Every structure is written in C-alpha cells, then in structure tokens.
Amino acid sequence: MPQYAFRCDCTATIPVGIAQAGSSVRCEQCSKLMEVPGTKVLRTLPILEDVVAGAVPKAGFAQRFLPALLLAIAALSLTTAGVLAKERWFSPIEFGHTEEEFFAAFRDDALQDPPARVWDHWKYLVESGLPVHRPPDYFVINEYFEKRKPWLIGSSTLGALSLGMFLVLTFGQSKGRLGSTGPSA
C-alpha cells in the first residue's frame, strides 16, 4: 500500500496511507494533531518512495522452490507408502509365521502319523520320486513383503518429514510476512 507525503504546518512530512483518510494524525516534530484529508485529496499528494515500513521483501528462488520441492517429495513418498501399505493390507495371508515353524509343524505331524500312513507315504515317494522342494505360497508372498518393508518404512518416514518441513516453511514464511506488515506505532 503506498504511503503519501502529508505536510504539517511545521514543514515536517508525515507518511499517511489510504486507510488513514479522514482520521487524525499527530506530527512527530511539533506534536500537533492534524486532520488527514479524504482519499481524493490524498491521492493528489506525492507518494513516498523511500518509506519501506510495510514492505515485504520478495521471496527468493530458494524460498519459493524449496517448499514446492518438499511438497513434491512428500506427495511421492506418501503415495509410494500408501501403495505398499495397501498391497500388504489386502494380501491374502496373515503375517507372523516363519518357514522354519511351518516345516517343524509338518515334521511333528509326520512323527505323529500311524505306521500304516507312513508306509503309504513311503510307497508314494518310491513310485513318484522325491518332490522338488517348493515353499508354500505363504512364504513366497511373505518374502515379497519383507523385501519391501524397508521401502514402506523409509517412504513413510521421508514423506512425513518432508510434509512437516513444508508446513514449517510455509507457516514460518507467512508468519514472518504477517509480523512485518504495517508501520510500527
């Protein structure tokens, strides 16, 4: 908002804004209370170029670019974390078992079998040959998610940190702009 040069009777220049039109202003040199003219008359007065009381410094390239970069990183990271979390949440298995526990339970069940069933299994293995060791689908899926767990944790952390830094920078800049506006009384 421009400041206009309002002259006092003592030749002092008082900076006045449009918002002060019609109000009273005290001269700092002679302490005389003067009536500020209306907006039509005020606009005819010369504008003070050197008064920078309410001027806000323009944000530099880094101040404009850094929040945008942080917001982009936060969006990308949180999207990645969301996709990985959705895959894990809707997976067809329950997590918590290990492959060793599975085969230990399988061995215990085999040891509990009656001799007739063991003989039937033995005959089947002799006729068909030993099967290739393939872990159940559970462990394949579990391994898939275990490999992606660091990505899930890392992208969640990076997204939260960059979003927090974006908010701090954005609100810090706006608070700085709000705190420096207007002339000090």
N, C-alpha and C. Protein backbone atom coordinates (compact mmCIF):
# COMPACT_ATOMS: atom_id res chain seq x y z
N MET A 1 0.85 -1.16 0.00
CA MET A 1 0.00 0.00 0.00
C MET A 1 0.91 1.23 0.00
N PRO A 2 0.68 2.17 -0.90
CA PRO A 2 1.57 3.33 -0.98
C PRO A 2 1.36 4.27 0.20
N GLN A 3 2.44 4.94 0.54
CA GLN A 3 2.42 5.96 1.59
C GLN A 3 2.49 7.33 0.91
N TYR A 4 1.67 8.26 1.35
CA TYR A 4 1.64 9.60 0.76
C TYR A 4 2.30 10.59 1.71
N ALA A 5 2.92 11.62 1.13
CA ALA A 5 3.63 12.65 1.91
C ALA A 5 2.65 13.73 2.31
N PHE A 6 2.19 13.69 3.56
CA PHE A 6 1.28 14.70 4.10
C PHE A 6 2.12 15.71 4.87
N ARG A 7 1.99 17.01 4.52
CA ARG A 7 2.83 18.06 5.12
C ARG A 7 2.12 18.70 6.30
N CYS A 8 2.92 18.88 7.34
CA CYS A 8 2.45 19.57 8.54
C CYS A 8 2.76 21.07 8.38
N ASP A 9 2.19 21.92 9.26
CA ASP A 9 2.47 23.36 9.22
C ASP A 9 3.93 23.65 9.55
N CYS A 10 4.58 22.75 10.28
CA CYS A 10 5.98 22.95 10.65
C CYS A 10 6.93 22.40 9.58
N THR A 11 6.44 22.11 8.39
CA THR A 11 7.16 21.58 7.22
C THR A 11 7.66 20.14 7.41
N ALA A 12 7.16 19.44 8.39
CA ALA A 12 7.51 18.03 8.56
C ALA A 12 6.65 17.19 7.61
N THR A 13 7.22 16.11 7.12
CA THR A 13 6.48 15.20 6.23
C THR A 13 6.01 14.00 7.05
N ILE A 14 4.70 13.76 6.99
CA ILE A 14 4.11 12.64 7.74
C ILE A 14 3.66 11.60 6.72
N PRO A 15 4.17 10.35 6.81
CA PRO A 15 3.70 9.31 5.89
C PRO A 15 2.29 8.84 6.28
N VAL A 16 1.36 8.91 5.31
CA VAL A 16 -0.03 8.54 5.57
C VAL A 16 -0.49 7.58 4.48
N GLY A 17 -1.31 6.62 4.86
CA GLY A 17 -1.86 5.66 3.91
C GLY A 17 -3.32 5.95 3.63
N ILE A 18 -3.87 5.27 2.63
CA ILE A 18 -5.27 5.44 2.25
C ILE A 18 -6.19 5.08 3.42
N ALA A 19 -5.80 4.10 4.20
CA ALA A 19 -6.64 3.65 5.32
C ALA A 19 -6.79 4.73 6.38
N GLN A 20 -5.87 5.71 6.40
CA GLN A 20 -5.94 6.77 7.42
C GLN A 20 -6.71 7.99 6.94
N ALA A 21 -7.28 7.95 5.74
CA ALA A 21 -8.02 9.10 5.20
C ALA A 21 -9.20 9.43 6.11
N GLY A 22 -9.32 10.71 6.46
CA GLY A 22 -10.40 11.18 7.30
C GLY A 22 -10.12 11.05 8.79
N SER A 23 -9.00 10.47 9.18
CA SER A 23 -8.69 10.33 10.60
C SER A 23 -7.68 11.40 11.01
N SER A 24 -7.25 11.35 12.25
CA SER A 24 -6.30 12.33 12.77
C SER A 24 -4.93 11.69 12.93
N VAL A 25 -3.88 12.51 12.69
CA VAL A 25 -2.51 12.05 12.81
C VAL A 25 -1.75 13.10 13.61
N ARG A 26 -0.87 12.64 14.51
CA ARG A 26 -0.07 13.56 15.30
C ARG A 26 1.30 13.72 14.65
N CYS A 27 1.74 14.95 14.52
CA CYS A 27 3.06 15.25 13.95
C CYS A 27 4.12 14.90 14.99
N GLU A 28 5.17 14.23 14.54
CA GLU A 28 6.22 13.81 15.47
C GLU A 28 7.11 14.97 15.90
N GLN A 29 7.21 16.02 15.08
CA GLN A 29 8.10 17.14 15.43
C GLN A 29 7.42 18.16 16.33
N CYS A 30 6.21 18.60 15.95
CA CYS A 30 5.56 19.66 16.75
C CYS A 30 4.42 19.13 17.61
N SER A 31 4.11 17.87 17.54
CA SER A 31 3.05 17.20 18.32
C SER A 31 1.67 17.78 18.07
N LYS A 32 1.49 18.40 16.93
CA LYS A 32 0.20 18.97 16.57
C LYS A 32 -0.69 17.87 15.98
N LEU A 33 -1.95 17.85 16.37
CA LEU A 33 -2.91 16.88 15.84
C LEU A 33 -3.50 17.44 14.56
N MET A 34 -3.34 16.68 13.46
CA MET A 34 -3.79 17.18 12.16
C MET A 34 -4.82 16.22 11.58
N GLU A 35 -5.75 16.78 10.84
CA GLU A 35 -6.80 16.02 10.18
C GLU A 35 -6.28 15.58 8.80
N VAL A 36 -6.31 14.26 8.53
CA VAL A 36 -5.87 13.74 7.23
C VAL A 36 -7.01 13.96 6.23
N PRO A 37 -6.71 14.49 5.05
CA PRO A 37 -7.78 14.75 4.07
C PRO A 37 -8.38 13.45 3.53
N GLY A 38 -9.46 13.58 2.78
CA GLY A 38 -10.13 12.43 2.18
C GLY A 38 -9.28 11.77 1.11
N THR A 39 -9.78 10.67 0.58
CA THR A 39 -8.99 9.88 -0.37
C THR A 39 -8.74 10.63 -1.68
N LYS A 40 -9.70 11.45 -2.13
CA LYS A 40 -9.50 12.20 -3.38
C LYS A 40 -8.33 13.15 -3.25
N VAL A 41 -8.26 13.88 -2.15
CA VAL A 41 -7.16 14.83 -1.93
C VAL A 41 -5.87 14.07 -1.64
N LEU A 42 -5.99 12.99 -0.90
CA LEU A 42 -4.80 12.21 -0.51
C LEU A 42 -4.09 11.64 -1.73
N ARG A 43 -4.84 11.23 -2.73
CA ARG A 43 -4.24 10.66 -3.94
C ARG A 43 -3.50 11.70 -4.78
N THR A 44 -3.76 12.98 -4.54
CA THR A 44 -3.04 14.03 -5.28
C THR A 44 -1.70 14.35 -4.64
N LEU A 45 -1.48 13.91 -3.40
CA LEU A 45 -0.20 14.17 -2.71
C LEU A 45 0.89 13.28 -3.30
N PRO A 46 2.16 13.69 -3.18
CA PRO A 46 3.26 12.87 -3.70
C PRO A 46 3.41 11.57 -2.90
N ILE A 47 3.78 10.52 -3.61
CA ILE A 47 3.97 9.21 -2.98
C ILE A 47 5.38 9.13 -2.43
N LEU A 48 5.50 8.62 -1.20
CA LEU A 48 6.82 8.45 -0.58
C LEU A 48 7.42 7.14 -1.08
N GLU A 49 8.50 7.22 -1.80
CA GLU A 49 9.17 6.03 -2.34
C GLU A 49 10.09 5.39 -1.31
N ASP A 50 10.65 6.20 -0.43
CA ASP A 50 11.66 5.68 0.50
C ASP A 50 11.06 5.07 1.75
N VAL A 51 9.76 5.16 1.95
CA VAL A 51 9.13 4.56 3.13
C VAL A 51 8.93 3.08 2.85
N VAL A 52 9.59 2.26 3.61
CA VAL A 52 9.53 0.81 3.41
C VAL A 52 9.01 0.15 4.69
N ALA A 53 8.20 0.86 5.46
CA ALA A 53 7.76 0.34 6.75
C ALA A 53 6.94 -0.94 6.60
N GLY A 54 6.07 -0.99 5.64
CA GLY A 54 5.22 -2.17 5.50
C GLY A 54 5.61 -3.05 4.32
N ALA A 55 6.73 -2.77 3.71
CA ALA A 55 7.11 -3.54 2.54
C ALA A 55 7.57 -4.93 2.94
N VAL A 56 7.15 -5.89 2.19
CA VAL A 56 7.54 -7.28 2.43
C VAL A 56 8.61 -7.63 1.41
N PRO A 57 9.75 -8.11 1.86
CA PRO A 57 10.78 -8.48 0.88
C PRO A 57 10.29 -9.65 0.04
N LYS A 58 10.61 -9.59 -1.24
CA LYS A 58 10.18 -10.67 -2.14
C LYS A 58 10.93 -11.94 -1.80
N ALA A 59 10.21 -13.04 -1.90
CA ALA A 59 10.82 -14.33 -1.62
C ALA A 59 11.81 -14.67 -2.73
N GLY A 60 12.96 -15.15 -2.35
CA GLY A 60 13.96 -15.55 -3.32
C GLY A 60 13.60 -16.86 -3.98
N PHE A 61 14.44 -17.27 -4.91
CA PHE A 61 14.20 -18.51 -5.65
C PHE A 61 14.17 -19.70 -4.70
N ALA A 62 15.11 -19.72 -3.76
CA ALA A 62 15.18 -20.86 -2.82
C ALA A 62 13.94 -20.90 -1.93
N GLN A 63 13.44 -19.74 -1.51
CA GLN A 63 12.27 -19.72 -0.64
C GLN A 63 11.01 -20.15 -1.38
N ARG A 64 10.98 -19.97 -2.68
CA ARG A 64 9.81 -20.42 -3.45
C ARG A 64 9.98 -21.86 -3.92
N PHE A 65 11.21 -22.25 -4.23
CA PHE A 65 11.47 -23.57 -4.81
C PHE A 65 11.49 -24.67 -3.74
N LEU A 66 12.06 -24.38 -2.58
CA LEU A 66 12.20 -25.39 -1.53
C LEU A 66 10.86 -25.93 -1.04
N PRO A 67 9.86 -25.09 -0.72
CA PRO A 67 8.57 -25.67 -0.32
C PRO A 67 7.92 -26.51 -1.42
N ALA A 68 8.07 -26.09 -2.67
CA ALA A 68 7.49 -26.88 -3.77
C ALA A 68 8.19 -28.23 -3.88
N LEU A 69 9.51 -28.23 -3.73
CA LEU A 69 10.27 -29.48 -3.77
C LEU A 69 9.88 -30.40 -2.61
N LEU A 70 9.76 -29.82 -1.42
CA LEU A 70 9.37 -30.62 -0.25
C LEU A 70 7.96 -31.20 -0.42
N LEU A 71 7.07 -30.41 -0.98
CA LEU A 71 5.71 -30.90 -1.19
C LEU A 71 5.68 -32.02 -2.22
N ALA A 72 6.49 -31.90 -3.27
CA ALA A 72 6.56 -32.96 -4.28
C ALA A 72 7.15 -34.24 -3.69
N ILE A 73 8.20 -34.11 -2.88
CA ILE A 73 8.80 -35.28 -2.24
C ILE A 73 7.80 -35.94 -1.29
N ALA A 74 7.08 -35.11 -0.53
CA ALA A 74 6.09 -35.66 0.40
C ALA A 74 4.99 -36.40 -0.36
N ALA A 75 4.52 -35.81 -1.45
CA ALA A 75 3.45 -36.46 -2.21
C ALA A 75 3.92 -37.79 -2.80
N LEU A 76 5.11 -37.80 -3.39
CA LEU A 76 5.64 -39.03 -3.99
C LEU A 76 5.88 -40.10 -2.92
N SER A 77 6.50 -39.71 -1.81
CA SER A 77 6.81 -40.68 -0.75
C SER A 77 5.55 -41.24 -0.11
N LEU A 78 4.60 -40.37 0.19
CA LEU A 78 3.38 -40.85 0.83
C LEU A 78 2.53 -41.68 -0.13
N THR A 79 2.58 -41.37 -1.42
CA THR A 79 1.88 -42.21 -2.40
C THR A 79 2.52 -43.59 -2.47
N THR A 80 3.85 -43.64 -2.50
CA THR A 80 4.56 -44.92 -2.50
C THR A 80 4.22 -45.72 -1.25
N ALA A 81 4.27 -45.07 -0.10
CA ALA A 81 3.94 -45.75 1.15
C ALA A 81 2.50 -46.24 1.15
N GLY A 82 1.60 -45.44 0.61
CA GLY A 82 0.19 -45.84 0.54
C GLY A 82 -0.03 -47.06 -0.33
N VAL A 83 0.65 -47.10 -1.48
CA VAL A 83 0.51 -48.25 -2.38
C VAL A 83 1.07 -49.51 -1.71
N LEU A 84 2.25 -49.40 -1.09
CA LEU A 84 2.84 -50.57 -0.43
C LEU A 84 1.99 -51.02 0.76
N ALA A 85 1.46 -50.07 1.52
CA ALA A 85 0.62 -50.44 2.66
C ALA A 85 -0.68 -51.09 2.19
N LYS A 86 -1.25 -50.60 1.09
CA LYS A 86 -2.48 -51.20 0.56
C LYS A 86 -2.22 -52.63 0.10
N GLU A 87 -1.09 -52.85 -0.59
CA GLU A 87 -0.74 -54.22 -1.02
C GLU A 87 -0.61 -55.15 0.18
N ARG A 88 0.05 -54.66 1.22
CA ARG A 88 0.26 -55.50 2.40
C ARG A 88 -1.05 -55.74 3.14
N TRP A 89 -1.88 -54.72 3.24
CA TRP A 89 -3.14 -54.83 3.97
C TRP A 89 -4.10 -55.81 3.30
N PHE A 90 -4.16 -55.76 1.97
CA PHE A 90 -5.10 -56.62 1.24
C PHE A 90 -4.46 -57.91 0.75
N SER A 91 -3.32 -58.29 1.28
CA SER A 91 -2.69 -59.54 0.86
C SER A 91 -3.52 -60.72 1.39
N PRO A 92 -3.47 -61.86 0.70
CA PRO A 92 -4.33 -62.98 1.08
C PRO A 92 -3.79 -63.81 2.24
N ILE A 93 -2.78 -63.34 2.95
CA ILE A 93 -2.19 -64.14 4.02
C ILE A 93 -2.14 -63.33 5.30
N GLU A 94 -1.98 -64.05 6.41
CA GLU A 94 -1.74 -63.42 7.70
C GLU A 94 -0.26 -63.54 8.00
N PHE A 95 0.34 -62.46 8.42
CA PHE A 95 1.77 -62.47 8.67
C PHE A 95 2.06 -62.94 10.09
N GLY A 96 3.25 -63.48 10.29
CA GLY A 96 3.65 -63.88 11.63
C GLY A 96 4.30 -65.24 11.69
N HIS A 97 4.07 -66.12 10.71
CA HIS A 97 4.68 -67.45 10.71
C HIS A 97 5.98 -67.41 9.94
N THR A 98 6.91 -68.26 10.35
CA THR A 98 8.16 -68.38 9.61
C THR A 98 8.19 -69.73 8.90
N GLU A 99 9.09 -69.85 7.94
CA GLU A 99 9.21 -71.10 7.18
C GLU A 99 9.68 -72.23 8.08
N GLU A 100 10.55 -71.90 9.04
CA GLU A 100 11.05 -72.92 9.97
C GLU A 100 9.92 -73.47 10.83
N GLU A 101 9.02 -72.58 11.30
CA GLU A 101 7.89 -73.03 12.11
C GLU A 101 6.98 -73.95 11.29
N PHE A 102 6.78 -73.58 10.03
CA PHE A 102 5.92 -74.40 9.17
C PHE A 102 6.47 -75.81 9.01
N PHE A 103 7.76 -75.93 8.69
CA PHE A 103 8.34 -77.26 8.47
C PHE A 103 8.52 -78.03 9.78
N ALA A 104 8.71 -77.33 10.90
CA ALA A 104 8.77 -78.01 12.19
C ALA A 104 7.40 -78.63 12.52
N ALA A 105 6.33 -77.87 12.26
CA ALA A 105 4.99 -78.41 12.49
C ALA A 105 4.70 -79.57 11.53
N PHE A 106 5.17 -79.46 10.30
CA PHE A 106 5.00 -80.53 9.31
C PHE A 106 5.73 -81.79 9.76
N ARG A 107 6.95 -81.63 10.30
CA ARG A 107 7.74 -82.77 10.79
C ARG A 107 7.05 -83.41 12.00
N ASP A 108 6.56 -82.56 12.92
CA ASP A 108 5.87 -83.10 14.10
C ASP A 108 4.62 -83.88 13.70
N ASP A 109 3.89 -83.37 12.71
CA ASP A 109 2.71 -84.11 12.22
C ASP A 109 3.12 -85.44 11.61
N ALA A 110 4.25 -85.45 10.89
CA ALA A 110 4.72 -86.70 10.26
C ALA A 110 5.14 -87.70 11.33
N LEU A 111 5.73 -87.22 12.43
CA LEU A 111 6.14 -88.13 13.50
C LEU A 111 4.94 -88.68 14.26
N GLN A 112 3.83 -87.98 14.24
CA GLN A 112 2.62 -88.43 14.93
C GLN A 112 1.78 -89.39 14.08
N ASP A 113 2.12 -89.51 12.80
CA ASP A 113 1.35 -90.40 11.92
C ASP A 113 1.48 -91.86 12.37
N PRO A 114 0.41 -92.64 12.18
CA PRO A 114 0.49 -94.08 12.48
C PRO A 114 1.37 -94.77 11.44
N PRO A 115 1.91 -95.93 11.77
CA PRO A 115 2.82 -96.63 10.85
C PRO A 115 2.21 -96.93 9.48
N ALA A 116 0.92 -97.20 9.40
CA ALA A 116 0.29 -97.51 8.11
C ALA A 116 0.35 -96.30 7.17
N ARG A 117 0.11 -95.11 7.70
CA ARG A 117 0.14 -93.90 6.88
C ARG A 117 1.58 -93.61 6.44
N VAL A 118 2.54 -93.83 7.33
CA VAL A 118 3.95 -93.62 6.97
C VAL A 118 4.33 -94.57 5.84
N TRP A 119 3.87 -95.85 5.92
CA TRP A 119 4.16 -96.81 4.86
C TRP A 119 3.54 -96.36 3.53
N ASP A 120 2.31 -95.82 3.56
CA ASP A 120 1.67 -95.33 2.33
C ASP A 120 2.45 -94.16 1.73
N HIS A 121 2.91 -93.25 2.59
CA HIS A 121 3.72 -92.11 2.10
C HIS A 121 5.02 -92.61 1.48
N TRP A 122 5.62 -93.61 2.15
CA TRP A 122 6.90 -94.15 1.64
C TRP A 122 6.71 -94.80 0.27
N LYS A 123 5.64 -95.56 0.10
CA LYS A 123 5.38 -96.19 -1.20
C LYS A 123 5.13 -95.13 -2.28
N TYR A 124 4.40 -94.06 -1.92
CA TYR A 124 4.11 -92.99 -2.87
C TYR A 124 5.41 -92.31 -3.31
N LEU A 125 6.31 -92.05 -2.36
CA LEU A 125 7.58 -91.39 -2.69
C LEU A 125 8.46 -92.28 -3.56
N VAL A 126 8.43 -93.60 -3.31
CA VAL A 126 9.23 -94.52 -4.12
C VAL A 126 8.70 -94.57 -5.54
N GLU A 127 7.38 -94.59 -5.69
CA GLU A 127 6.79 -94.67 -7.02
C GLU A 127 6.92 -93.37 -7.81
N SER A 128 6.72 -92.25 -7.15
CA SER A 128 6.70 -90.97 -7.88
C SER A 128 8.02 -90.21 -7.80
N GLY A 129 8.90 -90.57 -6.93
CA GLY A 129 10.15 -89.84 -6.76
C GLY A 129 9.99 -88.72 -5.74
N LEU A 130 11.10 -88.20 -5.28
CA LEU A 130 11.05 -87.13 -4.28
C LEU A 130 10.60 -85.83 -4.94
N PRO A 131 9.66 -85.13 -4.33
CA PRO A 131 9.20 -83.88 -4.92
C PRO A 131 10.26 -82.78 -4.76
N VAL A 132 10.22 -81.85 -5.67
CA VAL A 132 11.10 -80.68 -5.59
C VAL A 132 10.62 -79.81 -4.44
N HIS A 133 11.57 -79.35 -3.67
CA HIS A 133 11.20 -78.51 -2.51
C HIS A 133 10.70 -77.15 -3.00
N ARG A 134 9.42 -76.94 -2.85
CA ARG A 134 8.83 -75.64 -3.16
C ARG A 134 8.17 -75.13 -1.90
N PRO A 135 8.58 -73.99 -1.42
CA PRO A 135 7.90 -73.47 -0.23
C PRO A 135 6.46 -73.10 -0.57
N PRO A 136 5.58 -73.16 0.40
CA PRO A 136 4.19 -72.78 0.15
C PRO A 136 4.10 -71.31 -0.28
N ASP A 137 2.99 -70.98 -0.91
CA ASP A 137 2.79 -69.62 -1.41
C ASP A 137 2.89 -68.58 -0.30
N TYR A 138 2.52 -68.99 0.90
CA TYR A 138 2.58 -68.07 2.03
C TYR A 138 3.97 -67.47 2.16
N PHE A 139 5.00 -68.32 2.08
CA PHE A 139 6.36 -67.84 2.31
C PHE A 139 6.88 -67.04 1.14
N VAL A 140 6.41 -67.34 -0.05
CA VAL A 140 6.79 -66.55 -1.22
C VAL A 140 6.21 -65.14 -1.08
N ILE A 141 4.95 -65.06 -0.69
CA ILE A 141 4.31 -63.76 -0.51
C ILE A 141 4.94 -63.02 0.67
N ASN A 142 5.21 -63.74 1.75
CA ASN A 142 5.82 -63.12 2.92
C ASN A 142 7.20 -62.55 2.57
N GLU A 143 7.98 -63.29 1.79
CA GLU A 143 9.31 -62.82 1.39
C GLU A 143 9.19 -61.56 0.52
N TYR A 144 8.18 -61.54 -0.34
CA TYR A 144 7.92 -60.37 -1.19
C TYR A 144 7.70 -59.13 -0.32
N PHE A 145 6.88 -59.27 0.72
CA PHE A 145 6.59 -58.12 1.57
C PHE A 145 7.74 -57.78 2.49
N GLU A 146 8.50 -58.77 2.92
CA GLU A 146 9.66 -58.49 3.76
C GLU A 146 10.72 -57.71 3.00
N LYS A 147 10.86 -57.99 1.70
CA LYS A 147 11.82 -57.23 0.88
C LYS A 147 11.37 -55.78 0.70
N ARG A 148 10.07 -55.54 0.73
CA ARG A 148 9.55 -54.20 0.52
C ARG A 148 9.29 -53.43 1.81
N LYS A 149 9.47 -54.07 2.96
CA LYS A 149 9.23 -53.40 4.23
C LYS A 149 10.13 -52.18 4.43
N PRO A 150 11.44 -52.24 4.11
CA PRO A 150 12.26 -51.02 4.25
C PRO A 150 11.77 -49.87 3.37
N TRP A 151 11.26 -50.19 2.17
CA TRP A 151 10.72 -49.14 1.31
C TRP A 151 9.48 -48.52 1.94
N LEU A 152 8.64 -49.33 2.54
CA LEU A 152 7.43 -48.83 3.18
C LEU A 152 7.78 -47.92 4.35
N ILE A 153 8.68 -48.38 5.20
CA ILE A 153 9.08 -47.58 6.36
C ILE A 153 9.82 -46.32 5.92
N GLY A 154 10.75 -46.47 4.98
CA GLY A 154 11.52 -45.32 4.52
C GLY A 154 10.67 -44.27 3.83
N SER A 155 9.78 -44.69 2.95
CA SER A 155 8.96 -43.71 2.25
C SER A 155 7.95 -43.05 3.19
N SER A 156 7.46 -43.78 4.18
CA SER A 156 6.56 -43.17 5.17
C SER A 156 7.30 -42.12 5.98
N THR A 157 8.51 -42.46 6.41
CA THR A 157 9.30 -41.51 7.20
C THR A 157 9.67 -40.29 6.38
N LEU A 158 10.17 -40.50 5.17
CA LEU A 158 10.55 -39.39 4.31
C LEU A 158 9.34 -38.51 3.98
N GLY A 159 8.21 -39.11 3.71
CA GLY A 159 7.01 -38.34 3.42
C GLY A 159 6.55 -37.51 4.60
N ALA A 160 6.57 -38.10 5.79
CA ALA A 160 6.15 -37.35 6.98
C ALA A 160 7.12 -36.21 7.28
N LEU A 161 8.42 -36.47 7.16
CA LEU A 161 9.41 -35.42 7.42
C LEU A 161 9.30 -34.28 6.41
N SER A 162 9.20 -34.60 5.14
CA SER A 162 9.14 -33.54 4.14
C SER A 162 7.82 -32.77 4.23
N LEU A 163 6.73 -33.45 4.57
CA LEU A 163 5.47 -32.73 4.76
C LEU A 163 5.55 -31.81 5.97
N GLY A 164 6.17 -32.29 7.05
CA GLY A 164 6.36 -31.44 8.22
C GLY A 164 7.24 -30.23 7.93
N MET A 165 8.33 -30.45 7.19
CA MET A 165 9.21 -29.33 6.84
C MET A 165 8.50 -28.35 5.91
N PHE A 166 7.67 -28.86 5.00
CA PHE A 166 6.90 -27.97 4.13
C PHE A 166 5.96 -27.10 4.95
N LEU A 167 5.26 -27.70 5.92
CA LEU A 167 4.34 -26.93 6.75
C LEU A 167 5.08 -25.89 7.59
N VAL A 168 6.23 -26.28 8.15
CA VAL A 168 7.02 -25.33 8.94
C VAL A 168 7.49 -24.17 8.08
N LEU A 169 8.01 -24.47 6.89
CA LEU A 169 8.47 -23.41 6.00
C LEU A 169 7.33 -22.51 5.55
N THR A 170 6.21 -23.10 5.19
CA THR A 170 5.08 -22.32 4.69
C THR A 170 4.51 -21.43 5.78
N PHE A 171 4.24 -22.00 6.96
CA PHE A 171 3.67 -21.18 8.02
C PHE A 171 4.71 -20.24 8.62
N GLY A 172 5.98 -20.63 8.59
CA GLY A 172 7.04 -19.73 9.06
C GLY A 172 7.17 -18.51 8.17
N GLN A 173 7.07 -18.70 6.86
CA GLN A 173 7.14 -17.57 5.93
C GLN A 173 5.92 -16.68 6.06
N SER A 174 4.74 -17.28 6.18
CA SER A 174 3.54 -16.46 6.28
C SER A 174 3.49 -15.72 7.61
N LYS A 175 3.99 -16.34 8.68
CA LYS A 175 4.03 -15.66 9.97
C LYS A 175 5.01 -14.49 9.92
N GLY A 176 6.15 -14.70 9.24
CA GLY A 176 7.12 -13.62 9.08
C GLY A 176 6.55 -12.47 8.28
N ARG A 177 5.76 -12.77 7.25
CA ARG A 177 5.14 -11.72 6.44
C ARG A 177 4.08 -10.99 7.25
N LEU A 178 3.29 -11.72 8.02
CA LEU A 178 2.24 -11.08 8.81
C LEU A 178 2.82 -10.23 9.92
N GLY A 179 3.92 -10.67 10.49
CA GLY A 179 4.52 -9.92 11.59
C GLY A 179 5.21 -8.65 11.15
N SER A 180 5.61 -8.53 9.89
CA SER A 180 6.36 -7.36 9.46
C SER A 180 5.51 -6.34 8.72
N THR A 181 4.20 -6.58 8.57
CA THR A 181 3.38 -5.64 7.83
C THR A 181 2.97 -4.48 8.70
N GLY A 182 2.80 -3.35 8.07
CA GLY A 182 2.30 -2.15 8.76
C GLY A 182 3.40 -1.41 9.48
N PRO A 183 3.21 -0.08 9.58
CA PRO A 183 4.21 0.72 10.29
C PRO A 183 4.12 0.50 11.78
N SER A 184 5.24 0.60 12.45
CA SER A 184 5.24 0.41 13.90
C SER A 184 4.80 1.69 14.57
N ALA A 185 3.93 1.58 15.56
CA ALA A 185 3.39 2.77 16.23
C ALA A 185 4.13 3.06 17.49
